[in-house]
Amino acid sequence: MYQRAIKLPNINDVYAFHKRINEVSCDVDLVSENFHYTVDAKSLMGILSMNLTSTVIIRAITNEEKIMHQIDKIIKDMHIEGDME
């Protein structure tokens, strides 16, 4: 399983993230900081329904290194890495 903290501080980041994450070939979720709320990261409406003022967790159920590196590249390119507490 792949899991990292990210921040999507503005609407432009949300749209860019949504576009790029849809290129990933596995299921990807966003999980609220307190782990009470999970949405499909490929759903724009799901992303917009989250509290994006705080860090969210990106989670992919995969063991494929290629996919993990692809998600890492998206996070790095967009400068959206957050702190996992």
C-alpha atoms as a PDB file:
ATOM      1  CA  MET A   1       0.000   0.000   0.000  1.00  0.00           C
ATOM      2  CA  TYR A   2       1.159   3.523  -0.788  1.00  0.00           C
ATOM      3  CA  GLN A   3       0.365   6.364   1.604  1.00  0.00           C
ATOM      4  CA  ARG A   4       1.564   9.986   1.822  1.00  0.00           C
ATOM      5  CA  ALA A   5       0.327  13.257   3.214  1.00  0.00           C
ATOM      6  CA  ILE A   6      -0.479  16.069   0.796  1.00  0.00           C
ATOM      7  CA  LYS A   7      -1.962  19.549   0.839  1.00  0.00           C
ATOM      8  CA  LEU A   8      -4.213  20.980  -1.841  1.00  0.00           C
ATOM      9  CA  PRO A   9      -4.260  24.626  -0.738  1.00  0.00           C
ATOM     10  CA  ASN A  10      -6.159  26.157  -3.654  1.00  0.00           C
ATOM     11  CA  ILE A  11      -8.648  25.303  -6.366  1.00  0.00           C
ATOM     12  CA  ASN A  12      -5.991  25.313  -9.097  1.00  0.00           C
ATOM     13  CA  ASP A  13      -4.061  22.624  -7.197  1.00  0.00           C
ATOM     14  CA  VAL A  14      -7.248  20.572  -6.842  1.00  0.00           C
ATOM     15  CA  TYR A  15      -7.946  20.674 -10.584  1.00  0.00           C
ATOM     16  CA  ALA A  16      -4.314  19.923 -11.505  1.00  0.00           C
ATOM     17  CA  PHE A  17      -4.154  17.056  -8.993  1.00  0.00           C
ATOM     18  CA  HIS A  18      -7.440  15.606 -10.258  1.00  0.00           C
ATOM     19  CA  LYS A  19      -6.213  15.684 -13.861  1.00  0.00           C
ATOM     20  CA  ARG A  20      -2.862  14.047 -13.045  1.00  0.00           C
ATOM     21  CA  ILE A  21      -4.150  11.422 -10.593  1.00  0.00           C
ATOM     22  CA  ASN A  22      -6.617  10.154 -13.195  1.00  0.00           C
ATOM     23  CA  GLU A  23      -3.594   8.970 -15.209  1.00  0.00           C
ATOM     24  CA  VAL A  24      -2.705   6.470 -12.453  1.00  0.00           C
ATOM     25  CA  SER A  25      -3.809   2.931 -13.273  1.00  0.00           C
ATOM     26  CA  CYS A  26      -5.027   1.869  -9.831  1.00  0.00           C
ATOM     27  CA  ASP A  27      -7.627   2.999  -7.305  1.00  0.00           C
ATOM     28  CA  VAL A  28      -6.512   6.034  -5.328  1.00  0.00           C
ATOM     29  CA  ASP A  29      -8.278   7.490  -2.300  1.00  0.00           C
ATOM     30  CA  LEU A  30      -7.965  10.655  -0.270  1.00  0.00           C
ATOM     31  CA  VAL A  31      -8.424  10.205   3.456  1.00  0.00           C
ATOM     32  CA  SER A  32      -9.095  12.968   5.967  1.00  0.00           C
ATOM     33  CA  GLU A  33      -6.437  13.697   8.556  1.00  0.00           C
ATOM     34  CA  ASN A  34      -8.482  12.006  11.284  1.00  0.00           C
ATOM     35  CA  PHE A  35      -9.168   8.958   9.027  1.00  0.00           C
ATOM     36  CA  HIS A  36     -12.959   9.412   9.343  1.00  0.00           C
ATOM     37  CA  TYR A  37     -13.650  10.419   5.748  1.00  0.00           C
ATOM     38  CA  THR A  38     -12.474   8.725   2.549  1.00  0.00           C
ATOM     39  CA  VAL A  39     -13.200   9.741  -1.047  1.00  0.00           C
ATOM     40  CA  ASP A  40     -12.163   8.527  -4.474  1.00  0.00           C
ATOM     41  CA  ALA A  41      -9.208  10.729  -5.493  1.00  0.00           C
ATOM     42  CA  LYS A  42     -10.305  10.425  -9.122  1.00  0.00           C
ATOM     43  CA  SER A  43     -13.636  12.084  -8.321  1.00  0.00           C
ATOM     44  CA  LEU A  44     -13.522  15.865  -8.549  1.00  0.00           C
ATOM     45  CA  MET A  45     -16.725  16.140  -6.521  1.00  0.00           C
ATOM     46  CA  GLY A  46     -15.239  13.837  -3.889  1.00  0.00           C
ATOM     47  CA  ILE A  47     -12.108  15.959  -3.588  1.00  0.00           C
ATOM     48  CA  LEU A  48     -14.111  19.179  -3.380  1.00  0.00           C
ATOM     49  CA  SER A  49     -16.268  17.697  -0.608  1.00  0.00           C
ATOM     50  CA  MET A  50     -13.230  17.332   1.682  1.00  0.00           C
ATOM     51  CA  ASN A  51     -11.875  19.851   4.157  1.00  0.00           C
ATOM     52  CA  LEU A  52      -8.852  20.971   2.163  1.00  0.00           C
ATOM     53  CA  THR A  53      -7.670  23.494   4.735  1.00  0.00           C
ATOM     54  CA  SER A  54      -5.722  20.699   6.405  1.00  0.00           C
ATOM     55  CA  THR A  55      -3.506  17.856   5.270  1.00  0.00           C
ATOM     56  CA  VAL A  56      -5.122  14.850   3.577  1.00  0.00           C
ATOM     57  CA  ILE A  57      -3.675  11.397   3.043  1.00  0.00           C
ATOM     58  CA  ILE A  58      -3.328   9.985  -0.464  1.00  0.00           C
ATOM     59  CA  ARG A  59      -3.661   6.205  -0.394  1.00  0.00           C
ATOM     60  CA  ALA A  60      -3.258   3.688  -3.207  1.00  0.00           C
ATOM     61  CA  ILE A  61      -3.707  -0.036  -2.782  1.00  0.00           C
ATOM     62  CA  THR A  62      -0.768  -1.238  -4.851  1.00  0.00           C
ATOM     63  CA  ASN A  63       2.589  -2.899  -4.496  1.00  0.00           C
ATOM     64  CA  GLU A  64       3.737  -1.889  -7.976  1.00  0.00           C
ATOM     65  CA  GLU A  65       6.858   0.264  -7.760  1.00  0.00           C
ATOM     66  CA  LYS A  66       6.045   1.927 -11.106  1.00  0.00           C
ATOM     67  CA  ILE A  67       2.712   3.222  -9.800  1.00  0.00           C
ATOM     68  CA  MET A  68       4.224   4.374  -6.501  1.00  0.00           C
ATOM     69  CA  HIS A  69       6.913   6.291  -8.389  1.00  0.00           C
ATOM     70  CA  GLN A  70       4.252   7.808 -10.654  1.00  0.00           C
ATOM     71  CA  ILE A  71       2.310   9.125  -7.647  1.00  0.00           C
ATOM     72  CA  ASP A  72       5.536  10.368  -6.016  1.00  0.00           C
ATOM     73  CA  LYS A  73       6.344  12.264  -9.213  1.00  0.00           C
ATOM     74  CA  ILE A  74       2.908  13.902  -9.257  1.00  0.00           C
ATOM     75  CA  ILE A  75       3.355  15.048  -5.645  1.00  0.00           C
ATOM     76  CA  LYS A  76       6.901  16.277  -6.273  1.00  0.00           C
ATOM     77  CA  ASP A  77       6.056  18.087  -9.523  1.00  0.00           C
ATOM     78  CA  MET A  78       3.072  19.834  -7.928  1.00  0.00           C
ATOM     79  CA  HIS A  79       4.866  20.715  -4.656  1.00  0.00           C
ATOM     80  CA  ILE A  80       1.931  19.473  -2.579  1.00  0.00           C
ATOM     81  CA  GLU A  81       3.719  17.286  -0.046  1.00  0.00           C
ATOM     82  CA  GLY A  82       2.267  17.629   3.447  1.00  0.00           C
ATOM     83  CA  ASP A  83       3.167  16.481   6.938  1.00  0.00           C
ATOM     84  CA  MET A  84       1.818  13.218   8.286  1.00  0.00           C
ATOM     85  CA  GLU A  85       1.035  13.590  11.965  1.00  0.00           C
END
